[in-house]
């Protein structure tokens, strides 16, 4: 599924089984359950035998600084519910290799097992979701605290349609829409998985205060809004939205971009996962240059949404928030202008979560502004204005 789009550091066409649960059986030994190394995807074990093993790789991984984040993937919602009713190893999705015979030299044996099916949706889900959580969390100090469980499901969202993140189910859930209906494959799909996994980070650090219902695409025909690249009211990358809705989705885009690009460099690519071109809109699995120019609501059709003839305070777009966070995090700093860390950005979310009951429809920019450390205030303000997320009227 990985077409090499976005990365400049290297998840290749082979995804490592990071922190994966492996069950090893031999007819003359007791079975054992082991977890692979988070960095290498490998494991070692002692045995009196050099062949005759059965190996089962389960769609379960443990990542995080202490193995405190468990991720599982399922082929359907029914499969998840079957496992939740009796959460035992035998009910997990798995792949099996029989009569495994490594290459041995009399002391050491070595073998690489690879799942080569690129259409294996469960394999793709566990690989991509695990990578996103590991990549972002391992680049953050301090790392995510506490115990967390995340289920990634090959199914339409159970509270509507499409893909979504649902917090505080028996397991926090990510629904990734069925690929058999002409939806994105390859690199586009991996960025979609990254986006929905990005909501997990919002949940962890802010307390899960996702945007309230109705916070997305505006539909009030009496509002003299900007044209927003011809997709006004359509909940997507460049549609005009209430600030909190645009922020929540743009922040998830940002996490996906962080996972598949080097945050130590400015250049980066985000592969958008919606295709509305057949409906007269302008999305066709866009490849987004996150370092490109932004501020859609301020400049499109000559409309300045803060200071021009058409005022639309407290509104912004997902693309503007994506590019704002990317610039804020990756652009070089100087004297009096330090770069924020991942932890600095997550601390801002935590501050908002601790001091407000809900993101609300319009206040998110001001609340984040209140949470910015003084050392980052100038950078925050400059890039917010440059990218159009400074939504104060």
Protein backbone atom coordinates (compact mmCIF):
# COMPACT_ATOMS: atom_id res chain seq x y z
CA UNK A 1 0.00 0.00 0.00
CA UNK A 2 2.97 2.30 0.48
CA UNK A 3 3.79 4.13 -2.74
CA UNK A 4 6.58 6.21 -1.24
CA UNK A 5 4.62 9.48 -1.28
CA UNK A 6 5.48 11.88 1.52
CA UNK A 7 8.45 10.14 3.06
CA UNK A 8 11.88 11.58 2.83
CA UNK A 9 13.31 9.29 5.51
CA UNK A 10 12.00 5.90 4.67
CA UNK A 11 9.18 3.60 5.35
CA UNK A 12 9.77 1.49 2.27
CA UNK A 13 7.46 -1.00 0.59
CA UNK A 14 8.19 -3.35 3.49
CA UNK A 15 6.64 -2.27 6.78
CA UNK A 16 8.30 -3.63 9.91
CA UNK A 17 6.19 -5.60 12.38
CA UNK A 18 6.85 -3.08 15.14
CA UNK A 19 5.87 -4.33 18.58
CA UNK A 20 3.79 -7.11 17.01
CA UNK A 21 2.37 -10.02 18.98
CA UNK A 22 3.78 -13.35 17.80
CA UNK A 23 2.67 -16.82 18.93
CA UNK A 24 5.25 -19.59 18.41
CA UNK A 25 4.35 -23.26 18.61
CA UNK A 26 6.46 -26.40 18.40
CA UNK A 27 5.12 -29.92 19.03
CA UNK A 28 7.93 -30.66 21.49
CA UNK A 29 7.93 -27.37 23.42
CA UNK A 30 5.48 -25.21 25.31
CA UNK A 31 3.95 -22.46 23.15
CA UNK A 32 5.15 -18.93 23.77
CA UNK A 33 3.83 -15.44 23.08
CA UNK A 34 6.39 -12.75 22.34
CA UNK A 35 6.33 -9.17 21.10
CA UNK A 36 8.74 -7.99 18.43
CA UNK A 37 11.15 -5.12 18.94
CA UNK A 38 9.42 -1.78 18.31
CA UNK A 39 12.30 -0.40 16.27
CA UNK A 40 13.37 -3.43 14.24
CA UNK A 41 10.25 -5.60 14.05
CA UNK A 42 12.37 -8.60 15.04
CA UNK A 43 12.43 -11.01 17.97
CA UNK A 44 14.77 -13.69 19.31
CA UNK A 45 14.01 -16.76 21.42
CA UNK A 46 15.76 -19.89 22.65
CA UNK A 47 14.76 -23.37 21.48
CA UNK A 48 16.16 -26.89 21.39
CA UNK A 49 14.95 -27.24 17.80
CA UNK A 50 15.83 -25.61 14.50
CA UNK A 51 12.70 -26.46 12.51
CA UNK A 52 9.08 -27.56 12.74
CA UNK A 53 7.67 -24.31 14.13
CA UNK A 54 4.27 -22.75 13.53
CA UNK A 55 4.35 -18.96 13.72
CA UNK A 56 1.26 -16.80 14.11
CA UNK A 57 1.58 -13.06 13.69
CA UNK A 58 -1.37 -11.29 15.31
CA UNK A 59 -2.84 -7.94 14.30
CA UNK A 60 -1.89 -6.51 17.67
CA UNK A 61 1.05 -4.26 18.50
CA UNK A 62 2.38 -2.62 21.63
CA UNK A 63 4.15 0.72 21.21
CA UNK A 64 4.81 3.71 23.44
CA UNK A 65 7.65 4.34 25.84
CA UNK A 66 6.67 1.42 28.07
CA UNK A 67 4.57 -0.63 25.68
CA UNK A 68 1.59 1.28 27.08
CA UNK A 69 -0.28 1.79 23.80
CA UNK A 70 -1.96 -1.29 22.35
CA UNK A 71 -3.22 -1.20 18.77
CA UNK A 72 -5.33 -3.91 17.16
CA UNK A 73 -6.80 -4.15 13.66
CA UNK A 74 -9.96 -5.95 12.53
CA UNK A 75 -11.49 -6.92 9.20
CA UNK A 76 -14.97 -5.75 10.26
CA UNK A 77 -16.94 -4.28 13.15
CA UNK A 78 -18.38 -7.76 13.78
CA UNK A 79 -14.85 -9.12 14.17
CA UNK A 80 -14.04 -6.42 16.73
CA UNK A 81 -17.22 -7.12 18.69
CA UNK A 82 -16.48 -10.85 18.57
CA UNK A 83 -13.06 -10.19 20.13
CA UNK A 84 -14.43 -7.70 22.70
CA UNK A 85 -16.97 -10.29 23.88
CA UNK A 86 -14.07 -12.60 24.77
CA UNK A 87 -10.71 -10.83 24.33
CA UNK A 88 -8.44 -13.83 23.92
CA UNK A 89 -5.52 -14.34 21.56
CA UNK A 90 -7.36 -16.90 19.44
CA UNK A 91 -9.96 -14.29 18.43
CA UNK A 92 -7.44 -11.80 17.10
CA UNK A 93 -6.86 -11.45 13.37
CA UNK A 94 -3.69 -13.35 12.47
CA UNK A 95 -1.43 -14.68 9.75
CA UNK A 96 0.16 -18.13 10.01
CA UNK A 97 3.27 -19.84 8.70
CA UNK A 98 3.45 -23.65 9.08
CA UNK A 99 6.44 -25.98 9.43
CA UNK A 100 8.83 -23.05 9.59
CA UNK A 101 12.48 -24.08 9.13
CA UNK A 102 15.03 -21.27 9.63
CA UNK A 103 18.54 -21.30 8.24
CA UNK A 104 20.77 -22.53 11.08
CA UNK A 105 24.52 -22.79 11.64
CA UNK A 106 24.38 -25.14 14.61
CA UNK A 107 24.06 -22.35 17.18
CA UNK A 108 21.98 -19.56 15.66
CA UNK A 109 18.99 -19.70 13.34
CA UNK A 110 17.66 -16.86 11.25
CA UNK A 111 14.45 -16.36 9.27
CA UNK A 112 12.48 -13.43 7.83
CA UNK A 113 8.73 -13.85 7.42
CA UNK A 114 6.92 -11.46 5.10
CA UNK A 115 3.26 -10.93 4.29
CA UNK A 116 3.40 -10.01 0.60
CA UNK A 117 -0.31 -9.39 -0.03
CA UNK A 118 -0.69 -5.66 -0.74
CA UNK A 119 -4.48 -5.99 -0.65
CA UNK A 120 -4.54 -7.40 2.90
CA UNK A 121 -6.54 -4.60 4.53
CA UNK A 122 -5.95 -5.74 8.12
CA UNK A 123 -2.20 -5.92 7.57
CA UNK A 124 -2.25 -2.42 6.09
CA UNK A 125 -4.33 -1.03 8.96
CA UNK A 126 -2.11 -2.39 11.73
CA UNK A 127 1.09 -1.39 9.91
CA UNK A 128 0.07 2.20 9.16
CA UNK A 129 -1.66 2.97 12.47
CA UNK A 130 1.22 1.50 14.45
CA UNK A 131 3.75 3.52 12.46
CA UNK A 132 1.87 6.81 13.00
CA UNK A 133 1.55 6.33 16.76
CA UNK A 134 5.14 5.15 17.11
CA UNK A 135 6.64 7.78 14.82
CA UNK A 136 4.97 10.77 16.48
CA UNK A 137 5.10 9.49 20.07
CA UNK A 138 8.76 8.43 19.86
CA UNK A 139 9.65 11.93 18.63
CA UNK A 140 7.93 13.50 21.65
CA UNK A 141 9.43 14.02 25.10
CA UNK A 142 7.86 13.23 27.47
CA UNK A 143 6.03 10.46 25.67
CA UNK A 144 2.36 9.56 26.03
CA UNK A 145 1.59 8.53 29.60
CA UNK A 146 -1.00 6.05 30.83
CA UNK A 147 -2.48 2.97 29.22
CA UNK A 148 -4.31 3.32 25.90
CA UNK A 149 -6.07 0.91 23.57
CA UNK A 150 -6.87 1.62 19.94
CA UNK A 151 -8.93 -0.56 17.56
CA UNK A 152 -8.58 0.09 13.81
CA UNK A 153 -11.46 -1.37 11.80
CA UNK A 154 -12.01 -1.98 8.10
CA UNK A 155 -15.57 -0.62 8.02
CA UNK A 156 -17.67 2.49 7.55
CA UNK A 157 -18.07 4.66 10.63
CA UNK A 158 -20.79 3.24 12.88
CA UNK A 159 -22.23 6.69 13.68
CA UNK A 160 -22.59 7.87 10.10
CA UNK A 161 -20.57 7.05 7.02
CA UNK A 162 -17.03 7.24 5.73
CA UNK A 163 -14.01 7.06 8.04
CA UNK A 164 -13.92 8.43 11.58
CA UNK A 165 -12.38 8.29 15.05
CA UNK A 166 -14.61 7.38 18.00
CA UNK A 167 -13.27 7.92 21.49
CA UNK A 168 -14.12 6.05 24.67
CA UNK A 169 -15.74 2.97 23.21
CA UNK A 170 -14.59 -0.19 25.00
CA UNK A 171 -11.57 0.52 22.82
CA UNK A 172 -11.01 3.87 21.14
CA UNK A 173 -11.95 3.14 17.55
CA UNK A 174 -10.76 4.17 14.11
CA UNK A 175 -13.07 3.25 11.23
CA UNK A 176 -11.43 3.19 7.80
CA UNK A 177 -13.95 3.06 5.00
CA UNK A 178 -14.15 -0.06 2.81
CA UNK A 179 -11.66 0.11 -0.07
CA UNK A 180 -13.86 -1.93 -2.39
CA UNK A 181 -16.03 1.08 -3.25
CA UNK A 182 -13.45 3.02 -5.27
CA UNK A 183 -12.00 4.79 -2.25
CA UNK A 184 -8.33 5.69 -1.89
CA UNK A 185 -5.66 3.03 -2.05
CA UNK A 186 -1.90 3.11 -1.72
CA UNK A 187 -0.28 6.26 -0.39
CA UNK A 188 -3.61 8.09 -0.20
CA UNK A 189 -5.05 5.45 2.09
CA UNK A 190 -2.05 5.51 4.39
CA UNK A 191 -2.48 9.27 4.86
CA UNK A 192 -6.17 8.66 5.61
CA UNK A 193 -5.20 6.14 8.31
CA UNK A 194 -2.69 8.71 9.55
CA UNK A 195 -5.39 11.39 9.70
CA UNK A 196 -7.81 9.29 11.75
CA UNK A 197 -4.96 8.19 14.01
CA UNK A 198 -4.16 11.88 14.39
CA UNK A 199 -7.46 12.30 16.25
CA UNK A 200 -6.09 9.83 18.82
CA UNK A 201 -3.35 12.34 19.70
CA UNK A 202 -5.95 15.11 20.05
CA UNK A 203 -7.93 12.80 22.33
CA UNK A 204 -4.91 11.84 24.47
CA UNK A 205 -3.63 15.37 25.02
CA UNK A 206 -6.79 17.46 25.13
CA UNK A 207 -9.05 14.92 26.77
CA UNK A 208 -10.79 14.09 23.52
CA UNK A 209 -12.64 17.37 23.17
CA UNK A 210 -13.38 16.98 19.50
CA UNK A 211 -15.43 19.60 17.71
CA UNK A 212 -19.09 19.74 18.55
CA UNK A 213 -21.67 18.57 16.04
CA UNK A 214 -22.34 21.21 13.44
CA UNK A 215 -18.88 22.74 13.62
CA UNK A 216 -17.94 21.88 10.07
CA UNK A 217 -19.04 23.14 6.64
CA UNK A 218 -21.17 26.27 6.78
CA UNK A 219 -24.49 26.18 4.97
CA UNK A 220 -26.09 29.53 5.87
CA UNK A 221 -26.90 30.98 2.43
CA UNK A 222 -27.35 34.45 3.94
CA UNK A 223 -23.71 34.62 5.04
CA UNK A 224 -21.65 36.69 2.52
CA UNK A 225 -18.82 34.21 2.72
CA UNK A 226 -15.70 33.95 0.65
CA UNK A 227 -15.81 31.42 -2.17
CA UNK A 228 -13.22 29.13 -0.54
CA UNK A 229 -11.97 27.74 -3.85
CA UNK A 230 -15.46 26.86 -5.04
CA UNK A 231 -16.31 24.34 -2.35
CA UNK A 232 -18.18 26.43 0.19
CA UNK A 233 -20.12 24.35 2.67
CA UNK A 234 -18.57 21.06 1.57
CA UNK A 235 -16.74 19.53 4.56
CA UNK A 236 -13.31 19.08 3.03
CA UNK A 237 -9.79 20.45 2.83
CA UNK A 238 -10.54 24.01 1.65
CA UNK A 239 -14.16 24.54 2.66
CA UNK A 240 -15.06 27.44 4.90
CA UNK A 241 -15.76 26.05 8.37
CA UNK A 242 -16.18 27.17 11.92
CA UNK A 243 -12.73 27.57 13.43
CA UNK A 244 -12.92 24.56 15.75
CA UNK A 245 -14.05 22.19 13.01
CA UNK A 246 -11.27 23.35 10.69
CA UNK A 247 -8.77 23.08 13.54
CA UNK A 248 -9.74 19.54 14.56
CA UNK A 249 -9.45 18.22 11.01
CA UNK A 250 -6.39 20.32 10.12
CA UNK A 251 -4.59 19.13 13.25
CA UNK A 252 -5.24 15.50 12.27
CA UNK A 253 -3.86 16.28 8.79
CA UNK A 254 -0.79 17.70 10.54
CA UNK A 255 -0.22 14.54 12.59
CA UNK A 256 -0.48 12.43 9.44
CA UNK A 257 2.04 14.71 7.74
CA UNK A 258 4.40 14.48 10.74
CA UNK A 259 4.26 10.69 10.56
CA UNK A 260 5.25 10.44 6.90
CA UNK A 261 7.68 13.36 6.56
CA UNK A 262 10.76 14.56 8.42
CA UNK A 263 9.86 17.27 10.91
CA UNK A 264 13.51 18.36 10.82
CA UNK A 265 12.95 19.66 7.29
CA UNK A 266 10.49 22.24 5.97
CA UNK A 267 9.40 20.44 2.82
CA UNK A 268 6.61 17.91 3.15
CA UNK A 269 3.71 16.29 1.35
CA UNK A 270 0.21 15.45 2.56
CA UNK A 271 -1.86 13.21 0.29
CA UNK A 272 -5.53 14.15 0.64
CA UNK A 273 -7.96 11.26 0.72
CA UNK A 274 -11.19 12.73 -0.70
CA UNK A 275 -12.34 12.68 -4.33
CA UNK A 276 -15.23 15.05 -5.05
CA UNK A 277 -14.28 15.89 -8.62
CA UNK A 278 -17.24 13.95 -9.99
CA UNK A 279 -19.62 16.15 -7.97
CA UNK A 280 -18.42 19.41 -9.41
CA UNK A 281 -15.99 20.09 -6.57
CA UNK A 282 -12.24 20.34 -6.83
CA UNK A 283 -10.80 17.43 -4.85
CA UNK A 284 -9.20 14.50 -6.60
CA UNK A 285 -6.93 12.86 -4.03
CA UNK A 286 -4.88 16.07 -4.00
CA UNK A 287 -1.15 16.00 -3.31
CA UNK A 288 -0.67 18.95 -0.95
CA UNK A 289 2.58 20.86 -0.64
CA UNK A 290 2.38 21.72 3.06
CA UNK A 291 5.04 24.40 2.65
CA UNK A 292 2.96 26.12 -0.04
CA UNK A 293 1.00 29.35 0.27
CA UNK A 294 -2.21 29.19 2.26
CA UNK A 295 -4.76 31.54 3.89
CA UNK A 296 -7.62 30.44 1.66
CA UNK A 297 -10.36 32.48 3.28
CA UNK A 298 -8.27 35.64 3.20
CA UNK A 299 -7.24 35.63 -0.42
CA UNK A 300 -9.63 33.57 -2.55
CA UNK A 301 -11.68 35.72 -4.95
CA UNK A 302 -10.13 38.88 -3.51
CA UNK A 303 -11.96 38.48 -0.22
CA UNK A 304 -10.22 39.29 3.04
CA UNK A 305 -12.28 37.55 5.66
CA UNK A 306 -10.97 39.64 8.55
CA UNK A 307 -10.51 43.15 7.25
CA UNK A 308 -12.22 43.36 3.86
CA UNK A 309 -15.76 44.11 2.81
CA UNK A 310 -16.90 40.61 3.69
CA UNK A 311 -16.31 39.77 7.32
CA UNK A 312 -16.26 36.14 8.38
CA UNK A 313 -14.65 36.06 11.81
CA UNK A 314 -14.06 32.78 13.62
CA UNK A 315 -13.94 30.80 10.38
CA UNK A 316 -11.04 29.06 8.69
CA UNK A 317 -10.13 25.99 6.65
CA UNK A 318 -8.50 22.65 7.33
CA UNK A 319 -5.70 23.41 4.86
CA UNK A 320 -4.86 26.65 6.66
CA UNK A 321 -4.53 24.85 10.01
CA UNK A 322 -2.43 22.07 8.46
CA UNK A 323 0.02 24.55 6.96
CA UNK A 324 0.02 26.70 10.09
CA UNK A 325 1.05 23.81 12.34
CA UNK A 326 3.64 22.63 9.80
CA UNK A 327 5.22 26.10 9.56
CA UNK A 328 5.00 26.63 13.32
CA UNK A 329 6.77 23.32 13.97
CA UNK A 330 9.31 23.05 11.15
CA UNK A 331 10.34 26.53 9.98
CA UNK A 332 13.85 27.48 11.16
CA UNK A 333 14.10 29.52 14.31
CA UNK A 334 16.51 32.26 15.29
CA UNK A 335 17.41 34.46 18.20
CA UNK A 336 14.24 35.00 20.17
CA UNK A 337 12.37 32.64 17.84
CA UNK A 338 12.90 29.05 19.03
CA UNK A 339 11.26 26.15 17.26
CA UNK A 340 8.52 24.43 19.27
CA UNK A 341 8.82 20.74 20.01
CA UNK A 342 6.08 18.16 19.54
CA UNK A 343 5.61 18.38 23.30
CA UNK A 344 5.12 22.16 23.15
CA UNK A 345 2.28 21.75 20.67
CA UNK A 346 0.66 18.93 22.64
CA UNK A 347 0.97 21.01 25.82
CA UNK A 348 -1.09 23.73 24.14
CA UNK A 349 -3.84 21.18 23.47
CA UNK A 350 -3.60 19.96 27.06
CA UNK A 351 -3.98 23.52 28.34
CA UNK A 352 -7.13 24.02 26.26
CA UNK A 353 -8.53 20.69 27.44
CA UNK A 354 -7.86 21.53 31.08
CA UNK A 355 -9.43 24.99 30.94
CA UNK A 356 -12.41 24.60 28.61
CA UNK A 357 -15.24 22.09 28.56
CA UNK A 358 -15.44 21.99 24.78
CA UNK A 359 -13.60 23.41 21.81
CA UNK A 360 -16.81 25.22 20.92
CA UNK A 361 -17.47 26.54 17.44
CA UNK A 362 -15.35 29.67 17.29
CA UNK A 363 -12.97 30.20 20.20
CA UNK A 364 -10.21 27.69 19.45
CA UNK A 365 -7.69 30.18 18.04
CA UNK A 366 -7.94 32.46 21.06
CA UNK A 367 -7.70 29.54 23.48
CA UNK A 368 -4.59 28.21 21.76
CA UNK A 369 -3.15 31.74 21.69
CA UNK A 370 -3.69 31.95 25.44
CA UNK A 371 -1.83 28.66 25.86
CA UNK A 372 1.30 29.58 23.84
CA UNK A 373 4.45 30.01 25.96
CA UNK A 374 5.83 33.54 25.81
CA UNK A 375 8.96 32.30 24.01
CA UNK A 376 6.81 31.03 21.14
CA UNK A 377 4.28 33.85 21.00
CA UNK A 378 5.85 35.82 18.15
CA UNK A 379 6.26 32.70 16.00
CA UNK A 380 2.71 31.59 16.77
CA UNK A 381 1.22 34.97 15.84
CA UNK A 382 3.28 35.43 12.69
CA UNK A 383 2.48 32.00 11.23
CA UNK A 384 -1.16 32.21 12.31
CA UNK A 385 -1.57 35.44 10.37
CA UNK A 386 0.43 34.14 7.42
CA UNK A 387 -1.70 31.01 7.11
CA UNK A 388 -5.04 32.56 7.90
CA UNK A 389 -5.94 30.85 11.16
CA UNK A 390 -5.88 34.06 13.18
CA UNK A 391 -9.66 34.20 13.13
CA UNK A 392 -10.24 37.08 15.53
CA UNK A 393 -12.66 39.61 13.96
